[in-house]
Amino acid sequence: MHAHVVPPDLVAAIRAGDGPDGIRLDTTGAQPWVVHRQGYRYPLPEHFHDISARLRHMDSTGVSEAVLSAAPPLFLYWAERGEALDAARAVNDGIARMVRDGDGRFSGLATLPLQDPDAAVAELHRAVSQLGLRGAEVGPHAEGVPLDDVRLRPVLAAAQGLGVPLLVHPYYVGAVPELADYYLTNLLGNPWQTAVCAARLVLSGTLDELGGLDLVLVHGGGHLPYQIGRLDHGHRVRPEAQGCRQTPSSYLRRFHYDTLTHSPRALRWLVDLVGADRVVFGTDTPFDMGGGALVEQLGQPPDTPDLDDHQLELVAHRNADRLFGTPGDPAHG
C-alpha cells in the first residue's frame, strides 16, 4: 500500500516540456532523472511509470496487488492554486488509467491541492465517485499549514464522509538546511514529519472530532510509536498537551502503519504495540529507500518477527483489502 508512480501521461508531458511547476527530465545519462526546479531530483526507472514494467517488477518481488500513489514531490502544494488543481486532476486521471489498464492488480489513491481546501474536497469527491480511486495521499502539512489546522478540516471530514482512508506521506523538494548533510532530510526528516503530524492530530483533538477517519502512516509511523511514552508523560504534566480526551497512546490504533521500518525487530515491536490488524505491507517502490519484499522485511531468525499465520495474512493483504477495497477483496468493484 506504499507504492509510488509517475503516471505515463505526466511523463509524456514532462518530456514535451509541459510538466507542471517546471518539472523536467534530465536524459543525459543512461537513465532519465526527474528534476524539480527547487533542486530535488530522482531517477525515473521504467517501473516508475510503465505498467508492464511495474507488473514485472511486482512479480519479481512477490507482490500480487498494489495501491498506487503519486510520487510525493508531485503534491505541488507550493504552486499557484489553479496550476495545482490542474496538476492534481491530471495525476489522478493518470492513476485511474493505470488502475484500469493494470489487469486487476492496481488500486489507486488521489493527490489533492491542499492549498485550496474547497478544491481539494471537490477533487476528492471526483476521484472517488467518478474515477474509482480508493482514497487520497496527503502530506503531513501543506507548506507549513499542518494537517490538523482548521483550514484543512473540510478535507479530513470529506474523507471520513466518503469512508476512504488518507495515506499521510512526508514530502520535500529541497534539502532542509539543518538536515542537508548525509541525506538526513530523508533519513530523519521524513519520519520526523510523520511523527509531528500524527502527534498534532492527537493532541489537538482532531481525532476526537473525526472519530471515523482512517489514517495510514508510512515508514512504520515514523518516530511516533517509539516516543509515545513521552507524549503520554507530556499529556499528564503539560496543560498545553491536554487537548485530547484520552492519553496519546490511546490513539495509536486510530492509525494504520506500513511495514517499512528497515528493521525486523522494530517491525515486531510495532506489531506488538498496535496489533497486527493495524500494520500493512508497504515497500516505497521504486525509491532507493524502499524496503523490498515482505519476506525481506520480516528478516531471518533470530531477528524475524515470527508472526503467526493469521498475523501474516493481516499484514500481507487482509488489512489492505479492508482499508482500500483492493482487487483481492470481494467488495472491490
Protein backbone atom coordinates (compact mmCIF):
# COMPACT_ATOMS: atom_id res chain seq x y z
CA MET A 1 0.00 0.00 0.00
CA HIS A 2 3.07 2.26 -0.19
CA ALA A 3 3.84 2.16 -3.90
CA HIS A 4 4.60 5.28 -5.93
CA VAL A 5 4.12 6.13 -9.59
CA VAL A 6 4.52 8.98 -12.01
CA PRO A 7 1.62 8.38 -14.42
CA PRO A 8 2.67 7.77 -18.05
CA ASP A 9 0.74 10.77 -19.36
CA LEU A 10 2.56 13.05 -16.94
CA VAL A 11 5.92 11.62 -18.01
CA ALA A 12 4.98 12.35 -21.62
CA ALA A 13 4.05 15.92 -20.71
CA ILE A 14 7.33 16.42 -18.87
CA ARG A 15 9.27 15.02 -21.84
CA ALA A 16 7.46 17.50 -24.08
CA GLY A 17 8.37 20.41 -21.81
CA ASP A 18 4.81 20.79 -20.50
CA GLY A 19 5.35 19.46 -16.97
CA PRO A 20 3.74 21.33 -14.08
CA ASP A 21 5.81 23.65 -11.90
CA GLY A 22 8.78 23.50 -14.25
CA ILE A 23 9.42 19.77 -13.70
CA ARG A 24 11.78 18.46 -16.37
CA LEU A 25 13.72 15.35 -17.31
CA ASP A 26 17.48 15.05 -17.39
CA THR A 27 18.18 12.48 -20.10
CA THR A 28 21.94 12.97 -20.41
CA GLY A 29 22.73 9.65 -18.73
CA ALA A 30 21.67 6.08 -19.34
CA GLN A 31 18.64 6.54 -17.10
CA PRO A 32 16.42 9.65 -17.05
CA TRP A 33 16.07 11.67 -13.87
CA VAL A 34 13.11 13.80 -12.78
CA VAL A 35 14.34 17.28 -11.85
CA HIS A 36 12.33 19.79 -9.84
CA ARG A 37 13.11 23.48 -10.11
CA GLN A 38 13.79 23.57 -6.34
CA GLY A 39 16.74 21.23 -6.86
CA TYR A 40 15.36 17.82 -5.89
CA ARG A 41 15.99 15.06 -8.40
CA TYR A 42 15.35 11.33 -8.52
CA PRO A 43 15.76 8.54 -11.09
CA LEU A 44 12.87 7.51 -13.31
CA PRO A 45 13.25 3.74 -13.81
CA GLU A 46 10.84 2.13 -16.22
CA HIS A 47 8.69 0.56 -13.50
CA PHE A 48 8.03 4.04 -12.05
CA HIS A 49 5.68 4.82 -14.94
CA ASP A 50 5.32 1.88 -17.34
CA ILE A 51 2.51 -0.52 -16.44
CA SER A 52 4.05 -3.65 -17.97
CA ALA A 53 7.39 -2.96 -16.31
CA ARG A 54 5.64 -2.35 -13.00
CA LEU A 55 3.77 -5.64 -13.17
CA ARG A 56 7.01 -7.48 -13.96
CA HIS A 57 8.70 -5.78 -11.01
CA MET A 58 5.81 -6.77 -8.73
CA ASP A 59 6.11 -10.38 -9.90
CA SER A 60 9.82 -10.35 -9.11
CA THR A 61 9.17 -9.22 -5.52
CA GLY A 62 6.16 -11.41 -4.78
CA VAL A 63 3.61 -8.58 -4.85
CA SER A 64 0.22 -9.54 -6.28
CA GLU A 65 -1.59 -6.20 -5.85
CA ALA A 66 -0.50 -2.60 -5.29
CA VAL A 67 -2.23 0.58 -4.13
CA LEU A 68 -0.68 3.25 -6.36
CA SER A 69 0.02 6.78 -5.16
CA ALA A 70 1.85 9.70 -6.73
CA ALA A 71 5.50 10.41 -6.02
CA PRO A 72 5.26 12.89 -3.09
CA PRO A 73 7.17 15.71 -4.90
CA LEU A 74 4.12 15.88 -7.17
CA PHE A 75 1.95 17.26 -4.35
CA LEU A 76 2.80 20.80 -5.59
CA TYR A 77 1.34 22.47 -2.50
CA TRP A 78 3.59 25.46 -3.22
CA ALA A 79 2.17 26.09 -6.70
CA GLU A 80 -0.49 28.61 -7.68
CA ARG A 81 -3.93 27.22 -6.86
CA GLY A 82 -5.17 26.85 -10.41
CA GLU A 83 -1.99 25.13 -11.56
CA ALA A 84 -2.06 22.83 -8.52
CA LEU A 85 -5.64 21.78 -9.23
CA ASP A 86 -4.92 21.13 -12.90
CA ALA A 87 -1.86 19.06 -11.96
CA ALA A 88 -3.80 17.06 -9.34
CA ARG A 89 -6.57 16.29 -11.82
CA ALA A 90 -4.02 15.17 -14.41
CA VAL A 91 -2.22 12.94 -11.91
CA ASN A 92 -5.48 11.43 -10.67
CA ASP A 93 -6.76 10.80 -14.20
CA GLY A 94 -3.42 9.14 -14.96
CA ILE A 95 -3.50 6.91 -11.89
CA ALA A 96 -7.09 5.93 -12.70
CA ARG A 97 -5.99 4.90 -16.20
CA MET A 98 -3.18 2.82 -14.72
CA VAL A 99 -5.72 1.08 -12.49
CA ARG A 100 -7.97 0.37 -15.48
CA ASP A 101 -5.06 -1.00 -17.53
CA GLY A 102 -3.42 -2.95 -14.69
CA ASP A 103 -5.06 -6.37 -15.16
CA GLY A 104 -6.97 -6.01 -11.89
CA ARG A 105 -3.76 -5.70 -9.86
CA PHE A 106 -3.90 -2.00 -9.02
CA SER A 107 -5.97 0.29 -6.86
CA GLY A 108 -5.25 4.00 -6.71
CA LEU A 109 -5.08 6.96 -4.37
CA ALA A 110 -5.66 10.57 -5.38
CA THR A 111 -3.49 13.59 -4.76
CA LEU A 112 -5.21 16.80 -3.66
CA PRO A 113 -4.42 20.54 -3.96
CA LEU A 114 -4.40 21.19 -0.21
CA GLN A 115 -3.51 24.88 -0.66
CA ASP A 116 -7.14 25.24 -1.82
CA PRO A 117 -9.24 23.18 0.62
CA ASP A 118 -12.51 23.70 -1.28
CA ALA A 119 -10.91 22.48 -4.49
CA ALA A 120 -9.30 19.59 -2.60
CA VAL A 121 -12.69 18.46 -1.27
CA ALA A 122 -14.22 18.65 -4.75
CA GLU A 123 -11.30 16.73 -6.27
CA LEU A 124 -11.51 14.03 -3.59
CA HIS A 125 -15.21 13.55 -4.40
CA ARG A 126 -14.44 13.38 -8.13
CA ALA A 127 -11.55 10.98 -7.65
CA VAL A 128 -13.58 8.58 -5.51
CA SER A 129 -17.02 8.87 -7.11
CA GLN A 130 -16.06 9.24 -10.77
CA LEU A 131 -12.56 7.78 -11.11
CA GLY A 132 -12.96 4.93 -8.63
CA LEU A 133 -9.88 5.82 -6.58
CA ARG A 134 -9.81 4.43 -3.04
CA GLY A 135 -8.77 7.46 -1.02
CA ALA A 136 -6.02 10.06 -1.14
CA GLU A 137 -2.37 10.55 -0.34
CA VAL A 138 -1.68 13.80 1.53
CA GLY A 139 1.32 15.47 3.08
CA PRO A 140 1.65 15.93 6.84
CA HIS A 141 1.38 19.64 6.15
CA ALA A 142 0.75 21.88 3.16
CA GLU A 143 3.72 24.23 3.05
CA GLY A 144 3.59 24.87 6.79
CA VAL A 145 -0.16 24.51 7.30
CA PRO A 146 -0.42 21.37 9.47
CA LEU A 147 -2.94 18.69 8.62
CA ASP A 148 -4.81 19.34 11.88
CA ASP A 149 -5.30 23.04 11.03
CA VAL A 150 -8.97 24.05 10.93
CA ARG A 151 -8.49 25.26 7.37
CA LEU A 152 -7.90 21.66 6.28
CA ARG A 153 -10.66 20.17 8.43
CA PRO A 154 -13.12 20.05 5.49
CA VAL A 155 -10.71 17.76 3.60
CA LEU A 156 -10.44 15.36 6.52
CA ALA A 157 -14.20 15.47 7.05
CA ALA A 158 -14.78 14.72 3.36
CA ALA A 159 -12.59 11.61 3.57
CA GLN A 160 -14.50 10.48 6.64
CA GLY A 161 -17.82 11.12 4.92
CA LEU A 162 -16.77 9.15 1.85
CA GLY A 163 -15.42 6.34 4.02
CA VAL A 164 -11.99 6.40 2.39
CA PRO A 165 -8.55 6.50 4.04
CA LEU A 166 -5.92 9.20 3.83
CA LEU A 167 -2.34 8.00 3.39
CA VAL A 168 -0.09 10.55 5.13
CA HIS A 169 3.28 10.82 3.39
CA PRO A 170 6.07 13.34 4.06
CA TYR A 171 7.41 15.37 1.17
CA TYR A 172 10.16 17.79 0.20
CA VAL A 173 11.68 19.14 -3.00
CA GLY A 174 14.83 20.60 -1.46
CA ALA A 175 17.01 19.72 1.50
CA VAL A 176 16.03 21.12 4.91
CA PRO A 177 19.03 23.28 5.91
CA GLU A 178 19.69 21.68 9.30
CA LEU A 179 19.33 18.21 7.73
CA ALA A 180 21.12 18.87 4.45
CA ASP A 181 24.14 16.72 5.24
CA TYR A 182 24.27 12.91 4.98
CA TYR A 183 20.80 12.70 3.35
CA LEU A 184 19.25 13.38 6.77
CA THR A 185 16.41 15.30 5.09
CA ASN A 186 15.03 11.87 4.25
CA LEU A 187 16.70 9.56 6.78
CA LEU A 188 15.45 11.54 9.80
CA GLY A 189 13.33 14.31 8.31
CA ASN A 190 10.67 12.11 6.74
CA PRO A 191 9.89 10.03 9.85
CA TRP A 192 10.05 13.23 11.93
CA GLN A 193 7.44 14.93 9.70
CA THR A 194 5.12 11.95 10.13
CA ALA A 195 5.53 11.91 13.91
CA VAL A 196 4.84 15.64 14.20
CA CYS A 197 1.71 15.35 12.06
CA ALA A 198 0.33 12.37 13.97
CA ALA A 199 1.08 13.94 17.36
CA ARG A 200 -0.71 17.14 16.32
CA LEU A 201 -3.74 15.20 15.11
CA VAL A 202 -3.90 13.51 18.51
CA LEU A 203 -3.09 16.41 20.84
CA SER A 204 -5.28 18.92 19.01
CA GLY A 205 -8.38 16.78 19.49
CA THR A 206 -8.80 16.36 15.73
CA LEU A 207 -9.14 12.58 16.08
CA ASP A 208 -11.78 13.09 18.77
CA GLU A 209 -13.74 15.31 16.39
CA LEU A 210 -13.41 12.92 13.43
CA GLY A 211 -13.95 9.55 15.06
CA GLY A 212 -14.46 7.68 11.80
CA LEU A 213 -11.43 8.96 9.89
CA ASP A 214 -8.95 6.31 8.69
CA LEU A 215 -5.33 7.49 8.52
CA VAL A 216 -2.34 5.49 7.32
CA LEU A 217 1.22 6.42 8.35
CA VAL A 218 4.14 5.32 6.19
CA HIS A 219 7.66 4.40 7.33
CA GLY A 220 6.30 2.44 10.27
CA GLY A 221 4.67 5.56 11.69
CA GLY A 222 7.93 7.48 11.73
CA HIS A 223 9.14 8.27 15.22
CA LEU A 224 5.62 8.26 16.74
CA PRO A 225 5.33 4.67 18.04
CA TYR A 226 8.75 4.79 19.64
CA GLN A 227 8.19 8.07 21.53
CA ILE A 228 4.55 7.56 22.54
CA GLY A 229 5.52 7.27 26.23
CA ARG A 230 6.99 10.78 26.06
CA LEU A 231 3.72 12.10 24.63
CA ASP A 232 1.77 10.37 27.40
CA HIS A 233 4.03 11.94 30.00
CA GLY A 234 3.68 15.37 28.44
CA HIS A 235 -0.09 14.97 28.37
CA ARG A 236 -0.02 14.35 32.13
CA VAL A 237 2.25 17.23 33.13
CA ARG A 238 1.79 19.96 30.49
CA PRO A 239 -1.55 21.77 30.15
CA GLU A 240 -0.87 22.72 26.52
CA ALA A 241 -0.65 18.99 25.65
CA GLN A 242 -4.09 18.16 27.04
CA GLY A 243 -6.29 18.96 24.06
CA CYS A 244 -7.25 15.32 23.52
CA ARG A 245 -9.80 13.42 25.59
CA GLN A 246 -7.57 10.43 26.34
CA THR A 247 -3.88 9.74 26.75
CA PRO A 248 -2.00 9.90 23.42
CA SER A 249 -1.19 6.19 23.48
CA SER A 250 -4.93 5.51 23.43
CA TYR A 251 -4.98 6.83 19.86
CA LEU A 252 -2.25 4.60 18.42
CA ARG A 253 -4.84 2.24 16.97
CA ARG A 254 -6.59 5.13 15.25
CA PHE A 255 -3.78 4.90 12.70
CA HIS A 256 -2.55 2.16 10.40
CA TYR A 257 1.19 1.76 9.80
CA ASP A 258 3.19 0.31 6.97
CA THR A 259 5.90 -2.29 7.50
CA LEU A 260 8.75 -0.11 6.24
CA THR A 261 10.91 0.11 9.36
CA HIS A 262 14.11 -1.33 7.80
CA SER A 263 14.43 -3.46 10.93
CA PRO A 264 12.67 -6.80 11.59
CA ARG A 265 12.95 -6.21 15.34
CA ALA A 266 11.34 -2.77 15.05
CA LEU A 267 8.58 -4.29 12.92
CA ARG A 268 7.95 -7.00 15.52
CA TRP A 269 7.78 -4.32 18.22
CA LEU A 270 5.36 -2.27 16.13
CA VAL A 271 3.06 -5.25 15.62
CA ASP A 272 3.13 -5.99 19.35
CA LEU A 273 2.38 -2.35 20.16
CA VAL A 274 -0.51 -1.58 17.81
CA GLY A 275 -1.71 -5.03 16.74
CA ALA A 276 -1.28 -6.96 13.51
CA ASP A 277 -4.61 -5.59 12.29
CA ARG A 278 -3.06 -2.11 12.12
CA VAL A 279 0.10 -2.93 10.13
CA VAL A 280 0.06 -3.08 6.32
CA PHE A 281 2.74 -4.25 3.89
CA GLY A 282 4.42 -1.30 2.16
CA THR A 283 7.58 -1.01 0.08
CA ASP A 284 8.08 2.63 -1.04
CA THR A 285 8.73 1.28 -4.54
CA PRO A 286 10.59 2.48 -6.61
CA PHE A 287 12.61 4.84 -4.41
CA ASP A 288 16.03 3.75 -3.12
CA MET A 289 14.76 3.96 0.48
CA GLY A 290 12.31 1.15 -0.28
CA GLY A 291 12.12 -1.97 1.84
CA GLY A 292 11.78 -4.79 -0.66
CA ALA A 293 9.60 -7.88 -0.50
CA LEU A 294 7.69 -8.74 2.66
CA VAL A 295 9.88 -11.78 3.31
CA GLU A 296 12.92 -9.49 3.27
CA GLN A 297 11.32 -7.02 5.67
CA LEU A 298 10.43 -9.81 8.07
CA GLY A 299 14.07 -10.93 8.19
CA GLN A 300 15.54 -14.25 9.22
CA PRO A 301 15.89 -15.90 12.64
CA PRO A 302 16.78 -14.78 15.22
CA ASP A 303 15.64 -11.33 14.05
CA THR A 304 12.43 -12.48 12.33
CA PRO A 305 9.19 -11.00 13.71
CA ASP A 306 7.89 -14.61 14.00
CA LEU A 307 4.30 -13.71 13.15
CA ASP A 308 1.72 -16.48 13.18
CA ASP A 309 -0.26 -17.33 10.04
CA HIS A 310 -3.21 -15.11 10.94
CA GLN A 311 -0.97 -12.14 11.67
CA LEU A 312 0.90 -12.68 8.40
CA GLU A 313 -2.36 -12.72 6.44
CA LEU A 314 -3.46 -9.47 8.06
CA VAL A 315 -0.18 -7.70 7.32
CA ALA A 316 0.29 -9.16 3.85
CA HIS A 317 -3.15 -8.37 2.43
CA ARG A 318 -6.24 -8.52 4.64
CA ASN A 319 -5.70 -5.10 6.22
CA ALA A 320 -5.17 -3.56 2.78
CA ASP A 321 -8.30 -5.32 1.48
CA ARG A 322 -10.29 -3.78 4.31
CA LEU A 323 -8.81 -0.30 4.02
CA PHE A 324 -8.65 0.13 0.27
CA GLY A 325 -11.01 -2.45 -1.15
CA THR A 326 -8.18 -3.84 -3.24
CA PRO A 327 -8.92 -6.30 -6.09
CA GLY A 328 -8.45 -9.37 -3.90
CA ASP A 329 -11.38 -8.26 -1.74
CA PRO A 330 -14.85 -9.48 -2.85
CA ALA A 331 -16.13 -5.98 -2.05
CA HIS A 332 -13.87 -4.49 -4.74
CA GLY A 333 -15.87 -3.32 -7.71
